[in-house]
Protein backbone atom coordinates (compact mmCIF):
# COMPACT_ATOMS: atom_id res chain seq x y z
CA UNK A 1 -0.02 0.32 0.13
CA UNK A 2 1.46 3.00 -0.77
CA UNK A 3 2.10 5.85 1.68
CA UNK A 4 -0.35 8.71 1.73
CA UNK A 5 0.75 12.13 1.15
CA UNK A 6 -0.40 14.99 3.71
CA UNK A 7 -0.07 18.51 4.74
CA UNK A 8 1.45 20.78 7.10
CA UNK A 9 -0.44 23.90 8.23
CA UNK A 10 1.30 25.48 6.35
CA UNK A 11 1.33 23.63 3.11
CA UNK A 12 4.42 21.21 3.17
CA UNK A 13 3.69 17.73 1.75
CA UNK A 14 4.29 15.52 4.55
CA UNK A 15 4.49 11.49 4.72
CA UNK A 16 4.08 9.26 8.02
CA UNK A 17 6.64 6.62 8.33
CA UNK A 18 6.13 3.41 9.43
CA UNK A 19 8.61 4.40 12.57
CA UNK A 20 5.95 7.04 13.44
CA UNK A 21 8.73 9.18 11.93
CA UNK A 22 7.24 12.42 10.29
CA UNK A 23 8.88 13.26 6.64
CA UNK A 24 8.21 16.75 4.76
CA UNK A 25 9.37 17.80 1.73
CA UNK A 26 10.64 21.31 2.17
CA UNK A 27 10.58 23.23 -1.56
CA UNK A 28 13.79 24.68 -2.60
CA UNK A 29 15.12 26.12 -6.50
CA UNK A 30 15.30 23.02 -7.69
CA UNK A 31 13.34 19.87 -6.32
CA UNK A 32 12.89 19.66 -2.29
CA UNK A 33 15.11 18.89 0.59
CA UNK A 34 14.19 15.28 2.73
CA UNK A 35 13.36 16.81 6.27
CA UNK A 36 12.03 15.48 9.33
CA UNK A 37 10.34 15.53 12.94
CA UNK A 38 10.38 13.04 15.39
CA UNK A 39 7.62 14.24 17.24
CA UNK A 40 5.10 11.52 16.13
CA UNK A 41 2.57 12.76 18.95
CA UNK A 42 1.54 15.49 17.20
CA UNK A 43 -1.75 15.82 15.09
CA UNK A 44 0.53 16.43 11.66
CA UNK A 45 -2.26 19.15 10.53
CA UNK A 46 -0.89 21.33 12.88
CA UNK A 47 3.11 20.77 12.14
CA UNK A 48 5.35 24.07 10.50
CA UNK A 49 8.29 23.94 8.73
CA UNK A 50 9.54 25.26 11.90
CA UNK A 51 9.39 21.74 13.51
CA UNK A 52 11.12 19.88 10.98
CA UNK A 53 15.32 19.26 10.63
CA UNK A 54 16.71 19.28 7.26
CA UNK A 55 18.23 16.04 6.88
CA UNK A 56 20.21 17.13 3.72
CA UNK A 57 19.44 15.36 1.50
CA UNK A 58 17.76 16.67 -1.84
CA UNK A 59 14.63 15.24 -3.84
CA UNK A 60 13.77 16.09 -7.23
CA UNK A 61 9.86 16.30 -6.39
CA UNK A 62 6.64 15.62 -4.22
CA UNK A 63 6.40 12.11 -5.51
CA UNK A 64 9.59 11.01 -4.25
CA UNK A 65 8.68 11.90 -1.23
CA UNK A 66 7.33 8.71 0.24
CA UNK A 67 10.33 6.34 -0.89
CA UNK A 68 12.68 8.36 0.21
CA UNK A 69 11.24 8.40 3.80
CA UNK A 70 10.81 4.85 3.43
CA UNK A 71 14.54 4.48 2.66
CA UNK A 72 15.47 6.80 5.80
CA UNK A 73 12.99 5.16 7.99
CA UNK A 74 15.03 1.69 6.87
CA UNK A 75 18.35 3.46 7.84
CA UNK A 76 17.37 5.06 11.39
CA UNK A 77 16.18 0.91 11.97
CA UNK A 78 19.49 -0.66 11.18
CA UNK A 79 21.21 2.63 12.92
CA UNK A 80 19.82 1.62 16.13
CA UNK A 81 20.91 -1.95 15.53
CA UNK A 82 24.48 -0.81 14.82
CA UNK A 83 25.05 0.76 17.94
CA UNK A 84 27.19 3.21 17.92
CA UNK A 85 28.53 4.68 21.08
CA UNK A 86 29.45 8.18 21.70
CA UNK A 87 33.19 9.06 23.58
CA UNK A 88 33.70 10.30 26.90
CA UNK A 89 36.00 11.84 26.49
CA UNK A 90 36.74 12.16 23.04
CA UNK A 91 39.08 9.64 21.34
CA UNK A 92 41.57 10.11 19.88
CA UNK A 93 41.93 13.37 21.30
CA UNK A 94 44.79 14.63 18.26
CA UNK A 95 43.44 14.35 14.96
CA UNK A 96 44.88 16.07 11.34
CA UNK A 97 42.15 18.76 11.79
CA UNK A 98 43.02 19.72 15.18
CA UNK A 99 41.83 18.52 19.14
CA UNK A 100 38.65 15.94 18.81
CA UNK A 101 35.93 17.89 20.67
CA UNK A 102 33.27 14.32 20.05
CA UNK A 103 33.84 11.33 18.83
CA UNK A 104 31.36 8.19 17.72
CA UNK A 105 32.86 4.53 18.28
CA UNK A 106 31.49 2.10 14.89
CA UNK A 107 33.71 -0.52 16.61
CA UNK A 108 36.81 -0.70 18.63
CA UNK A 109 38.92 -0.27 15.06
CA UNK A 110 36.85 2.51 13.38
CA UNK A 111 36.22 5.87 15.42
CA UNK A 112 34.81 9.46 13.34
CA UNK A 113 35.81 12.32 15.43
CA UNK A 114 34.58 15.39 14.70
CA UNK A 115 36.41 19.07 15.81
CA UNK A 116 35.74 22.85 15.65
CA UNK A 117 36.50 22.81 11.84
CA UNK A 118 36.45 19.29 10.44
CA UNK A 119 36.36 15.44 10.71
CA UNK A 120 36.72 12.32 9.62
CA UNK A 121 37.49 8.97 10.62
CA UNK A 122 40.26 7.37 12.24
CA UNK A 123 41.02 3.32 11.79
CA UNK A 124 43.36 1.71 13.28
CA UNK A 125 45.78 -0.41 11.36
CA UNK A 126 44.21 -3.79 11.35
CA UNK A 127 40.86 -2.77 10.44
CA UNK A 128 42.45 -0.44 7.88
CA UNK A 129 43.76 -3.47 5.75
CA UNK A 130 40.31 -4.35 4.81
CA UNK A 131 40.11 -1.31 2.65
CA UNK A 132 41.04 -2.06 -0.75
CA UNK A 133 44.48 -0.53 -1.79
CA UNK A 134 43.36 1.85 -4.31
CA UNK A 135 40.85 3.71 -1.84
CA UNK A 136 43.73 2.94 1.80
CA UNK A 137 44.59 5.93 3.05
CA UNK A 138 48.09 4.62 4.71
CA UNK A 139 47.76 6.92 7.98
CA UNK A 140 44.48 5.34 9.03
CA UNK A 141 42.72 9.19 8.74
CA UNK A 142 40.02 9.44 6.23
CA UNK A 143 38.20 13.38 6.24
CA UNK A 144 34.34 13.67 6.26
CA UNK A 145 33.55 15.13 3.32
CA UNK A 146 34.45 12.20 0.53
CA UNK A 147 36.93 10.22 1.98
CA UNK A 148 34.67 8.65 4.95
CA UNK A 149 33.17 6.81 1.69
CA UNK A 150 36.21 4.77 1.22
CA UNK A 151 35.93 3.31 4.50
CA UNK A 152 32.27 2.49 3.93
CA UNK A 153 33.60 0.96 0.71
CA UNK A 154 35.89 -1.11 2.79
CA UNK A 155 34.40 -1.48 6.16
CA UNK A 156 30.30 -1.96 4.71
CA UNK A 157 29.21 -3.98 8.39
CA UNK A 158 29.46 -0.79 9.94
CA UNK A 159 27.16 1.05 7.87
CA UNK A 160 23.43 1.37 6.72
CA UNK A 161 22.00 0.50 3.11
CA UNK A 162 21.66 4.27 2.96
CA UNK A 163 25.22 5.20 4.24
CA UNK A 164 26.51 2.04 1.68
CA UNK A 165 24.28 4.24 -1.18
CA UNK A 166 25.36 7.47 -0.94
CA UNK A 167 28.93 6.26 -0.71
CA UNK A 168 28.85 4.45 -3.95
CA UNK A 169 27.53 8.04 -5.07
CA UNK A 170 30.35 9.52 -3.87
CA UNK A 171 33.18 7.09 -5.07
CA UNK A 172 31.99 7.40 -8.70
CA UNK A 173 32.20 10.79 -8.40
CA UNK A 174 34.88 11.79 -6.67
CA UNK A 175 37.45 8.93 -7.25
CA UNK A 176 36.71 7.74 -10.24
CA UNK A 177 39.80 5.97 -11.11
CA UNK A 178 40.20 4.13 -7.74
CA UNK A 179 36.09 2.92 -8.38
CA UNK A 180 37.15 1.82 -11.51
CA UNK A 181 39.85 -0.37 -10.12
CA UNK A 182 38.15 -1.94 -7.32
CA UNK A 183 34.92 -3.23 -9.10
CA UNK A 184 36.09 -3.79 -12.31
CA UNK A 185 34.04 -1.21 -14.95
CA UNK A 186 34.49 1.61 -16.97
CA UNK A 187 32.30 4.63 -16.01
CA UNK A 188 30.44 6.00 -18.83
CA UNK A 189 29.52 9.68 -19.27
CA UNK A 190 27.40 11.31 -17.06
CA UNK A 191 28.46 8.44 -14.23
CA UNK A 192 30.90 11.02 -12.27
CA UNK A 193 31.56 13.90 -11.89
CA UNK A 194 35.44 14.23 -11.81
CA UNK A 195 34.92 11.93 -15.41
CA UNK A 196 32.72 14.35 -16.84
CA UNK A 197 35.00 17.63 -15.64
CA UNK A 198 38.02 15.73 -17.47
CA UNK A 199 35.90 15.21 -20.76
CA UNK A 200 34.79 18.78 -20.91
CA UNK A 201 38.38 20.22 -20.34
CA UNK A 202 39.45 17.86 -22.90
CA UNK A 203 36.56 18.34 -25.59
CA UNK A 204 36.90 22.33 -24.86
CA UNK A 205 40.81 22.93 -24.45
CA UNK A 206 40.52 24.87 -28.05
CA UNK A 207 37.59 26.76 -26.48
CA UNK A 208 37.10 30.12 -24.62
CA UNK A 209 35.83 29.46 -21.67
CA UNK A 210 34.44 32.39 -19.37
CA UNK A 211 36.50 32.52 -15.87
CA UNK A 212 34.70 35.60 -14.05
CA UNK A 213 31.25 37.09 -14.70
CA UNK A 214 29.48 40.56 -14.21
CA UNK A 215 26.04 41.20 -14.40
CA UNK A 216 25.83 44.62 -16.47
CA UNK A 217 22.02 45.07 -16.47
CA UNK A 218 18.94 42.97 -16.24
CA UNK A 219 19.35 41.15 -19.88
CA UNK A 220 23.24 40.96 -20.15
CA UNK A 221 26.14 39.24 -18.92
CA UNK A 222 29.92 40.57 -19.31
CA UNK A 223 32.29 37.63 -19.27
CA UNK A 224 35.76 37.25 -19.21
CA UNK A 225 37.51 33.88 -20.99
CA UNK A 226 40.23 31.98 -21.08
CA UNK A 227 41.13 29.81 -23.85
CA UNK A 228 41.10 26.56 -22.33
CA UNK A 229 39.76 27.90 -19.38
CA UNK A 230 41.23 28.67 -15.96
CA UNK A 231 43.78 26.04 -15.92
CA UNK A 232 43.96 25.41 -19.84
CA UNK A 233 47.67 27.12 -19.90
CA UNK A 234 46.85 29.54 -22.11
CA UNK A 235 47.28 33.23 -21.56
CA UNK A 236 44.77 34.36 -24.26
CA UNK A 237 42.00 36.66 -22.73
CA UNK A 238 39.21 37.49 -24.23
CA UNK A 239 35.88 39.33 -23.30
CA UNK A 240 32.31 39.05 -24.12
CA UNK A 241 28.83 40.12 -23.70
CA UNK A 242 26.56 37.15 -23.41
CA UNK A 243 22.71 37.45 -22.50
CA UNK A 244 21.90 36.92 -19.01
CA UNK A 245 19.34 33.78 -19.91
CA UNK A 246 21.88 31.56 -21.65
CA UNK A 247 24.17 32.31 -19.04
CA UNK A 248 22.00 31.24 -16.47
CA UNK A 249 21.83 27.79 -18.17
CA UNK A 250 25.51 27.29 -18.36
CA UNK A 251 27.45 23.61 -17.69
CA UNK A 252 28.50 23.02 -13.89
CA UNK A 253 31.59 23.09 -15.62
CA UNK A 254 32.08 26.14 -17.08
CA UNK A 255 30.25 28.13 -20.53
CA UNK A 256 31.48 28.04 -23.35
CA UNK A 257 31.89 31.28 -25.58
CA UNK A 258 30.31 30.88 -29.53
CA UNK A 259 32.22 33.48 -31.18
CA UNK A 260 30.05 33.31 -33.74
CA UNK A 261 27.08 34.80 -32.01
CA UNK A 262 28.63 36.14 -28.46
CA UNK A 263 29.56 39.81 -28.62
CA UNK A 264 33.04 40.51 -28.23
CA UNK A 265 34.30 43.51 -25.92
CA UNK A 266 37.28 44.89 -28.49
CA UNK A 267 39.21 46.86 -25.44
CA UNK A 268 41.55 45.04 -23.29
CA UNK A 269 40.14 42.75 -20.88
CA UNK A 270 39.42 44.38 -17.69
CA UNK A 271 41.05 41.87 -15.11
CA UNK A 272 44.22 40.48 -14.82
CA UNK A 273 43.86 36.96 -14.37
């Protein structure tokens, strides 16, 4: 039976998971952010945006909310089984990112630490050997932004299904060479951010790619472009006027100047790059 979508008092779509946790889709510019409220005793019709905590997961639309809620419910159930525990005082105290302020033990050989500025995993040598060599950091430290996924790949029994799926996406996107070596695959275009970025750079090494831009008015953007882009090695820099609407739809890797269409500004570029 499908999960029914209900509404908060201020109109947010919500679903109630099997666990009783209430999930909401918070509208953002492109899609929605998944959020939750653990107060299952509340009448859902009285809830508002302020009752929900952002879970940091983007979903495409309202229709995706029931599936995302079910996945998070299973994640919370598995977390309870894993029974990670907080260490008091935090250990280890010293980390590559400064003194530890908190620490969560996944098992006796794997601890996640947080500091004032950053955090990550400390994996002792006996457990570090289980992490595939292309992913393995010899010192046993793995930062929290991307490298945590290496730990999840090597020690999957310490992570939930939801975390393992997130780890797989992270490794494909940011460590494609290692991912291909470990899994014996070749990632196709569209499957890895880093590989796609490399492909973009190769395809457009002879094109002018915008490296800085400033809006002139409501309809036009003044673009400074370098041949091959910021890291292309060329010193050839030119300036162009581009329609603001067109520039807004640029690729995440950069905007390509069309020499046939985009108006060039003939005076010397105003920026030193």
